[in-house]
N, C-alpha and C. Protein backbone atom coordinates (compact mmCIF):
# COMPACT_ATOMS: atom_id res chain seq x y z
N MET A 1 93.03 184.35 -91.07
CA MET A 1 94.36 184.07 -90.58
C MET A 1 95.25 183.70 -91.77
N GLN A 2 96.52 183.94 -91.66
CA GLN A 2 97.49 183.59 -92.69
C GLN A 2 97.88 182.13 -92.52
N VAL A 3 97.91 181.37 -93.62
CA VAL A 3 98.33 179.97 -93.59
C VAL A 3 99.40 179.77 -94.65
N ASP A 4 100.53 179.19 -94.23
CA ASP A 4 101.62 178.86 -95.15
C ASP A 4 101.92 177.38 -95.00
N ILE A 5 102.04 176.69 -96.14
CA ILE A 5 102.42 175.28 -96.15
C ILE A 5 103.64 175.16 -97.04
N VAL A 6 104.76 174.73 -96.45
CA VAL A 6 106.01 174.63 -97.20
C VAL A 6 106.69 173.29 -96.94
N THR A 7 107.48 172.87 -97.92
CA THR A 7 108.35 171.71 -97.80
C THR A 7 109.75 172.20 -98.11
N PRO A 8 110.76 171.38 -97.95
CA PRO A 8 112.10 171.81 -98.33
C PRO A 8 112.21 172.15 -99.83
N GLU A 9 111.33 171.58 -100.65
CA GLU A 9 111.40 171.80 -102.09
C GLU A 9 110.58 172.97 -102.60
N ARG A 10 109.42 173.25 -101.93
CA ARG A 10 108.54 174.29 -102.50
C ARG A 10 107.52 174.79 -101.49
N ARG A 11 106.93 175.91 -101.84
CA ARG A 11 105.82 176.48 -101.08
C ARG A 11 104.54 176.01 -101.76
N LEU A 12 103.71 175.30 -101.01
CA LEU A 12 102.46 174.78 -101.56
C LEU A 12 101.32 175.75 -101.44
N MET A 13 101.34 176.55 -100.38
CA MET A 13 100.25 177.50 -100.18
C MET A 13 100.72 178.65 -99.31
N SER A 14 100.23 179.82 -99.62
CA SER A 14 100.41 180.99 -98.78
C SER A 14 99.21 181.87 -99.02
N GLY A 15 98.34 181.98 -98.03
CA GLY A 15 97.15 182.80 -98.21
C GLY A 15 96.31 182.86 -96.96
N LYS A 16 95.21 183.56 -97.07
CA LYS A 16 94.29 183.74 -95.95
C LYS A 16 93.32 182.57 -95.89
N ALA A 17 92.96 182.20 -94.66
CA ALA A 17 92.03 181.10 -94.45
C ALA A 17 91.18 181.39 -93.22
N HIS A 18 90.04 180.75 -93.20
CA HIS A 18 89.14 180.84 -92.05
C HIS A 18 89.58 179.88 -90.95
N ALA A 19 90.04 178.69 -91.37
CA ALA A 19 90.46 177.66 -90.41
C ALA A 19 91.40 176.68 -91.11
N VAL A 20 92.22 176.00 -90.31
CA VAL A 20 93.10 174.96 -90.84
C VAL A 20 93.07 173.78 -89.87
N SER A 21 92.78 172.59 -90.44
CA SER A 21 92.79 171.35 -89.65
C SER A 21 94.14 170.69 -89.83
N ILE A 22 94.76 170.34 -88.71
CA ILE A 22 96.15 169.86 -88.70
C ILE A 22 96.20 168.47 -88.07
N PRO A 23 96.84 167.49 -88.75
CA PRO A 23 97.01 166.17 -88.15
C PRO A 23 98.20 166.17 -87.19
N GLY A 24 97.98 166.60 -85.97
CA GLY A 24 99.04 166.68 -84.98
C GLY A 24 99.43 165.31 -84.45
N ASP A 25 100.64 165.20 -84.01
CA ASP A 25 101.16 163.94 -83.49
C ASP A 25 100.36 163.46 -82.27
N GLU A 26 99.82 164.39 -81.51
CA GLU A 26 99.05 164.03 -80.33
C GLU A 26 97.55 164.12 -80.57
N GLY A 27 97.15 164.27 -81.83
CA GLY A 27 95.73 164.34 -82.18
C GLY A 27 95.47 165.46 -83.17
N ASP A 28 94.36 165.36 -83.86
CA ASP A 28 93.99 166.39 -84.82
C ASP A 28 93.57 167.66 -84.09
N MET A 29 93.83 168.79 -84.74
CA MET A 29 93.42 170.06 -84.17
C MET A 29 92.99 171.00 -85.28
N THR A 30 92.10 171.91 -84.96
CA THR A 30 91.67 172.93 -85.90
C THR A 30 92.05 174.28 -85.33
N ALA A 31 92.78 175.06 -86.11
CA ALA A 31 93.21 176.38 -85.68
C ALA A 31 92.42 177.44 -86.44
N MET A 32 92.03 178.48 -85.72
CA MET A 32 91.33 179.62 -86.30
C MET A 32 91.99 180.89 -85.77
N GLU A 33 91.59 182.01 -86.32
CA GLU A 33 92.11 183.30 -85.87
C GLU A 33 91.98 183.39 -84.35
N GLY A 34 93.05 183.80 -83.68
CA GLY A 34 93.04 183.95 -82.23
C GLY A 34 93.38 182.67 -81.47
N HIS A 35 93.74 181.61 -82.17
CA HIS A 35 94.10 180.34 -81.51
C HIS A 35 95.30 180.57 -80.60
N ALA A 36 95.33 179.90 -79.49
CA ALA A 36 96.46 179.99 -78.57
C ALA A 36 97.72 179.50 -79.27
N PRO A 37 98.86 180.12 -79.01
CA PRO A 37 100.11 179.68 -79.64
C PRO A 37 100.44 178.23 -79.29
N VAL A 38 100.84 177.48 -80.29
CA VAL A 38 101.20 176.09 -80.09
C VAL A 38 102.13 175.64 -81.21
N ILE A 39 103.03 174.74 -80.86
CA ILE A 39 103.88 174.08 -81.84
C ILE A 39 103.65 172.59 -81.67
N THR A 40 103.39 171.89 -82.76
CA THR A 40 103.15 170.46 -82.68
C THR A 40 103.86 169.74 -83.81
N MET A 41 104.23 168.51 -83.56
CA MET A 41 104.75 167.67 -84.63
C MET A 41 103.56 167.20 -85.46
N LEU A 42 103.79 167.03 -86.75
CA LEU A 42 102.76 166.49 -87.63
C LEU A 42 102.94 164.99 -87.75
N ARG A 43 101.84 164.29 -87.87
CA ARG A 43 101.89 162.89 -88.24
C ARG A 43 101.39 162.82 -89.69
N PRO A 44 101.65 161.74 -90.39
CA PRO A 44 101.11 161.64 -91.75
C PRO A 44 99.60 161.83 -91.72
N GLY A 45 99.11 162.64 -92.64
CA GLY A 45 97.68 162.92 -92.69
C GLY A 45 97.35 163.97 -93.72
N VAL A 46 96.15 164.52 -93.58
CA VAL A 46 95.65 165.52 -94.52
C VAL A 46 95.43 166.83 -93.78
N VAL A 47 96.09 167.88 -94.26
CA VAL A 47 95.87 169.24 -93.76
C VAL A 47 94.73 169.82 -94.60
N LYS A 48 93.71 170.33 -93.92
CA LYS A 48 92.55 170.92 -94.61
C LYS A 48 92.50 172.41 -94.31
N VAL A 49 92.53 173.20 -95.37
CA VAL A 49 92.53 174.65 -95.23
C VAL A 49 91.21 175.19 -95.76
N GLU A 50 90.42 175.77 -94.85
CA GLU A 50 89.13 176.35 -95.23
C GLU A 50 89.34 177.81 -95.60
N THR A 51 89.10 178.12 -96.87
CA THR A 51 89.34 179.48 -97.36
C THR A 51 88.04 180.22 -97.63
N GLY A 52 87.02 179.92 -96.90
CA GLY A 52 85.72 180.54 -97.13
C GLY A 52 84.77 179.53 -97.72
N SER A 53 84.53 179.63 -99.02
CA SER A 53 83.59 178.71 -99.67
C SER A 53 84.24 177.41 -100.14
N THR A 54 85.56 177.32 -100.07
CA THR A 54 86.25 176.11 -100.52
C THR A 54 87.16 175.57 -99.42
N THR A 55 87.52 174.31 -99.57
CA THR A 55 88.48 173.67 -98.68
C THR A 55 89.58 173.07 -99.54
N GLU A 56 90.81 173.48 -99.28
CA GLU A 56 91.96 172.91 -99.97
C GLU A 56 92.57 171.85 -99.07
N GLU A 57 92.98 170.73 -99.67
CA GLU A 57 93.56 169.64 -98.91
C GLU A 57 94.97 169.34 -99.38
N PHE A 58 95.85 169.06 -98.41
CA PHE A 58 97.24 168.75 -98.69
C PHE A 58 97.63 167.51 -97.88
N VAL A 59 98.22 166.53 -98.52
CA VAL A 59 98.68 165.33 -97.84
C VAL A 59 100.10 165.60 -97.35
N VAL A 60 100.36 165.31 -96.08
CA VAL A 60 101.68 165.53 -95.49
C VAL A 60 102.21 164.22 -94.91
N SER A 61 103.54 164.07 -94.92
CA SER A 61 104.15 162.86 -94.39
C SER A 61 104.64 163.05 -92.96
N GLY A 62 104.70 164.26 -92.49
CA GLY A 62 105.21 164.58 -91.16
C GLY A 62 105.80 165.97 -91.19
N GLY A 63 106.36 166.39 -90.08
CA GLY A 63 106.96 167.72 -89.99
C GLY A 63 106.50 168.42 -88.73
N PHE A 64 106.29 169.74 -88.83
CA PHE A 64 105.89 170.56 -87.69
C PHE A 64 104.84 171.56 -88.11
N ALA A 65 104.03 171.98 -87.17
CA ALA A 65 103.08 173.07 -87.38
C ALA A 65 103.24 174.05 -86.23
N GLU A 66 103.23 175.33 -86.58
CA GLU A 66 103.28 176.39 -85.58
C GLU A 66 102.07 177.28 -85.77
N VAL A 67 101.31 177.44 -84.71
CA VAL A 67 100.13 178.30 -84.74
C VAL A 67 100.36 179.42 -83.75
N GLY A 68 100.08 180.64 -84.17
CA GLY A 68 100.26 181.79 -83.29
C GLY A 68 99.47 182.97 -83.79
N SER A 69 99.78 184.13 -83.28
CA SER A 69 99.04 185.33 -83.66
C SER A 69 99.23 185.67 -85.13
N GLY A 70 100.32 185.20 -85.73
CA GLY A 70 100.56 185.46 -87.15
C GLY A 70 99.88 184.47 -88.08
N GLY A 71 99.20 183.47 -87.53
CA GLY A 71 98.54 182.46 -88.35
C GLY A 71 99.13 181.09 -88.11
N ALA A 72 99.12 180.27 -89.15
CA ALA A 72 99.62 178.89 -89.03
C ALA A 72 100.66 178.63 -90.11
N GLN A 73 101.78 178.08 -89.69
CA GLN A 73 102.83 177.68 -90.61
C GLN A 73 102.98 176.17 -90.51
N ILE A 74 102.83 175.50 -91.65
CA ILE A 74 102.99 174.06 -91.72
C ILE A 74 104.32 173.81 -92.42
N LEU A 75 105.26 173.20 -91.71
CA LEU A 75 106.58 172.89 -92.25
C LEU A 75 106.64 171.37 -92.41
N ALA A 76 106.33 170.91 -93.61
CA ALA A 76 106.18 169.48 -93.86
C ALA A 76 107.45 168.87 -94.44
N GLU A 77 107.75 167.64 -94.01
CA GLU A 77 108.86 166.91 -94.61
C GLU A 77 108.58 166.69 -96.10
N ARG A 78 107.40 166.17 -96.37
CA ARG A 78 106.91 166.01 -97.74
C ARG A 78 105.43 166.35 -97.73
N ALA A 79 104.98 166.97 -98.80
CA ALA A 79 103.56 167.32 -98.90
C ALA A 79 103.22 167.52 -100.37
N MET A 80 101.95 167.32 -100.67
CA MET A 80 101.46 167.62 -102.01
C MET A 80 99.96 167.86 -101.93
N PRO A 81 99.44 168.63 -102.88
CA PRO A 81 97.98 168.81 -102.90
C PRO A 81 97.30 167.46 -103.02
N ARG A 82 96.20 167.29 -102.32
CA ARG A 82 95.46 166.02 -102.34
C ARG A 82 95.13 165.62 -103.78
N ALA A 83 94.79 166.59 -104.60
CA ALA A 83 94.41 166.31 -105.99
C ALA A 83 95.56 165.71 -106.80
N GLU A 84 96.81 165.95 -106.37
CA GLU A 84 97.97 165.41 -107.08
C GLU A 84 98.43 164.06 -106.54
N MET A 85 97.96 163.67 -105.36
CA MET A 85 98.37 162.40 -104.77
C MET A 85 97.70 161.26 -105.53
N ASP A 86 98.51 160.32 -105.98
CA ASP A 86 97.98 159.14 -106.64
C ASP A 86 98.60 157.90 -106.01
N GLN A 87 98.22 156.73 -106.50
CA GLN A 87 98.71 155.48 -105.91
C GLN A 87 100.23 155.38 -105.99
N ASP A 88 100.83 155.81 -107.09
CA ASP A 88 102.29 155.72 -107.22
C ASP A 88 103.00 156.59 -106.18
N ALA A 89 102.54 157.83 -106.03
CA ALA A 89 103.16 158.73 -105.06
C ALA A 89 102.96 158.19 -103.64
N PHE A 90 101.75 157.75 -103.34
CA PHE A 90 101.50 157.20 -102.01
C PHE A 90 102.34 155.95 -101.79
N GLY A 91 102.42 155.10 -102.80
CA GLY A 91 103.23 153.88 -102.68
C GLY A 91 104.68 154.19 -102.36
N SER A 92 105.21 155.26 -102.94
CA SER A 92 106.58 155.67 -102.66
C SER A 92 106.73 156.09 -101.19
N TRP A 93 105.80 156.90 -100.70
CA TRP A 93 105.84 157.34 -99.31
C TRP A 93 105.72 156.14 -98.38
N LEU A 94 104.80 155.22 -98.70
CA LEU A 94 104.60 154.03 -97.87
C LEU A 94 105.84 153.14 -97.90
N GLY A 95 106.44 153.01 -99.07
CA GLY A 95 107.66 152.22 -99.19
C GLY A 95 108.80 152.79 -98.35
N ASP A 96 108.91 154.11 -98.31
CA ASP A 96 109.93 154.75 -97.47
C ASP A 96 109.68 154.47 -95.99
N ALA A 97 108.40 154.50 -95.58
CA ALA A 97 108.06 154.21 -94.18
C ALA A 97 108.39 152.75 -93.85
N LYS A 98 108.11 151.85 -94.78
CA LYS A 98 108.40 150.43 -94.57
C LYS A 98 109.91 150.21 -94.48
N ALA A 99 110.68 150.90 -95.32
CA ALA A 99 112.13 150.78 -95.28
C ALA A 99 112.69 151.28 -93.95
N ALA A 100 112.14 152.39 -93.44
CA ALA A 100 112.58 152.91 -92.14
C ALA A 100 112.27 151.91 -91.02
N LEU A 101 111.11 151.28 -91.10
CA LEU A 101 110.75 150.27 -90.11
C LEU A 101 111.69 149.08 -90.18
N ASN A 102 111.99 148.63 -91.38
CA ASN A 102 112.91 147.49 -91.54
C ASN A 102 114.31 147.82 -91.02
N ARG A 103 114.79 149.05 -91.31
CA ARG A 103 116.10 149.47 -90.79
C ARG A 103 116.12 149.47 -89.27
N ALA A 104 115.06 149.99 -88.67
CA ALA A 104 114.99 150.04 -87.21
C ALA A 104 114.97 148.63 -86.62
N ARG A 105 114.28 147.72 -87.26
CA ARG A 105 114.24 146.33 -86.78
C ARG A 105 115.62 145.67 -86.90
N GLU A 106 116.28 145.91 -88.03
CA GLU A 106 117.59 145.29 -88.28
C GLU A 106 118.66 145.80 -87.34
N THR A 107 118.63 147.09 -87.06
CA THR A 107 119.68 147.68 -86.23
C THR A 107 119.36 147.58 -84.75
N GLY A 108 118.08 147.29 -84.42
CA GLY A 108 117.70 147.23 -83.02
C GLY A 108 117.79 148.58 -82.35
N SER A 109 117.71 149.63 -83.15
CA SER A 109 117.85 150.99 -82.62
C SER A 109 116.65 151.37 -81.77
N GLY A 110 116.82 152.43 -81.02
CA GLY A 110 115.74 152.93 -80.18
C GLY A 110 114.62 153.55 -80.97
N GLY A 111 114.75 153.66 -82.27
CA GLY A 111 113.73 154.29 -83.09
C GLY A 111 112.65 153.34 -83.59
N LEU A 112 112.62 152.13 -83.07
CA LEU A 112 111.65 151.14 -83.56
C LEU A 112 110.21 151.58 -83.32
N ASP A 113 109.92 152.11 -82.14
CA ASP A 113 108.55 152.54 -81.85
C ASP A 113 108.11 153.66 -82.79
N GLY A 114 108.99 154.62 -83.02
CA GLY A 114 108.66 155.73 -83.92
C GLY A 114 108.46 155.26 -85.35
N ALA A 115 109.30 154.33 -85.80
CA ALA A 115 109.17 153.80 -87.16
C ALA A 115 107.89 153.00 -87.31
N ALA A 116 107.52 152.24 -86.28
CA ALA A 116 106.28 151.47 -86.33
C ALA A 116 105.07 152.39 -86.34
N LYS A 117 105.12 153.48 -85.58
CA LYS A 117 104.02 154.45 -85.57
C LYS A 117 103.91 155.14 -86.93
N LEU A 118 105.05 155.50 -87.51
CA LEU A 118 105.03 156.12 -88.84
C LEU A 118 104.38 155.19 -89.85
N MET A 119 104.75 153.92 -89.81
CA MET A 119 104.17 152.95 -90.75
C MET A 119 102.67 152.82 -90.54
N ALA A 120 102.23 152.73 -89.29
CA ALA A 120 100.80 152.62 -88.99
C ALA A 120 100.05 153.86 -89.44
N ASP A 121 100.63 155.04 -89.21
CA ASP A 121 99.99 156.28 -89.64
C ASP A 121 99.89 156.35 -91.16
N MET A 122 100.93 155.91 -91.87
CA MET A 122 100.89 155.92 -93.33
C MET A 122 99.80 154.99 -93.86
N VAL A 123 99.65 153.83 -93.23
CA VAL A 123 98.59 152.90 -93.64
C VAL A 123 97.22 153.55 -93.44
N MET A 124 97.04 154.23 -92.31
CA MET A 124 95.76 154.90 -92.05
C MET A 124 95.47 155.99 -93.08
N VAL A 125 96.50 156.75 -93.46
CA VAL A 125 96.32 157.78 -94.48
C VAL A 125 95.92 157.15 -95.80
N GLY A 126 96.60 156.08 -96.18
CA GLY A 126 96.27 155.40 -97.42
C GLY A 126 94.84 154.91 -97.44
N GLN A 127 94.39 154.36 -96.33
CA GLN A 127 93.01 153.90 -96.24
C GLN A 127 92.04 155.06 -96.37
N GLU A 128 92.35 156.18 -95.70
CA GLU A 128 91.50 157.37 -95.78
C GLU A 128 91.40 157.89 -97.21
N LEU A 129 92.51 157.82 -97.94
CA LEU A 129 92.55 158.34 -99.30
C LEU A 129 92.09 157.32 -100.34
N GLY A 130 91.89 156.08 -99.91
CA GLY A 130 91.40 155.05 -100.82
C GLY A 130 92.49 154.37 -101.65
N PHE A 131 93.72 154.36 -101.14
CA PHE A 131 94.83 153.74 -101.87
C PHE A 131 95.16 152.38 -101.27
N SER A 132 95.82 151.54 -102.07
CA SER A 132 96.32 150.27 -101.59
C SER A 132 97.38 150.55 -100.56
N THR A 133 97.36 149.78 -99.48
CA THR A 133 98.34 149.98 -98.41
C THR A 133 99.33 148.83 -98.34
N GLU A 134 99.53 148.15 -99.43
CA GLU A 134 100.54 147.09 -99.51
C GLU A 134 101.86 147.75 -99.85
N ALA A 135 102.77 147.78 -98.90
CA ALA A 135 104.07 148.44 -99.12
C ALA A 135 104.97 147.56 -99.96
N LYS A 136 105.59 148.17 -100.94
CA LYS A 136 106.59 147.47 -101.75
C LYS A 136 107.92 147.61 -101.06
N THR A 137 108.67 146.52 -101.00
CA THR A 137 109.96 146.58 -100.32
C THR A 137 111.08 146.41 -101.31
């Protein structure tokens, strides 16, 4: 199946894969050739692309995934290859999530639940990747 992973800044991957694991907002899913069409929001997590004998990993902060007969398209808000993610980059992403949570608390907006979920998801990703999850404010 064809897999494309893009952000507003760049294309991270475009190629054939056996399977792609997607951190969907409603749960993780694995798509393979012939998967039923679906569109899902992404939560922060790791997209794993199985290309035969290797698995490529990409850390995403959110976005959308579309799976259909043409393959899988991952449209991420922010993403980078797992090998390039370090504590500084993760700290920046976590700091942005913390700032969004603080803004939602201060304004009393209806987005408080979403901001709290984003923060919790970012902490879980950091733990999975082995990074400090202390957000700098």
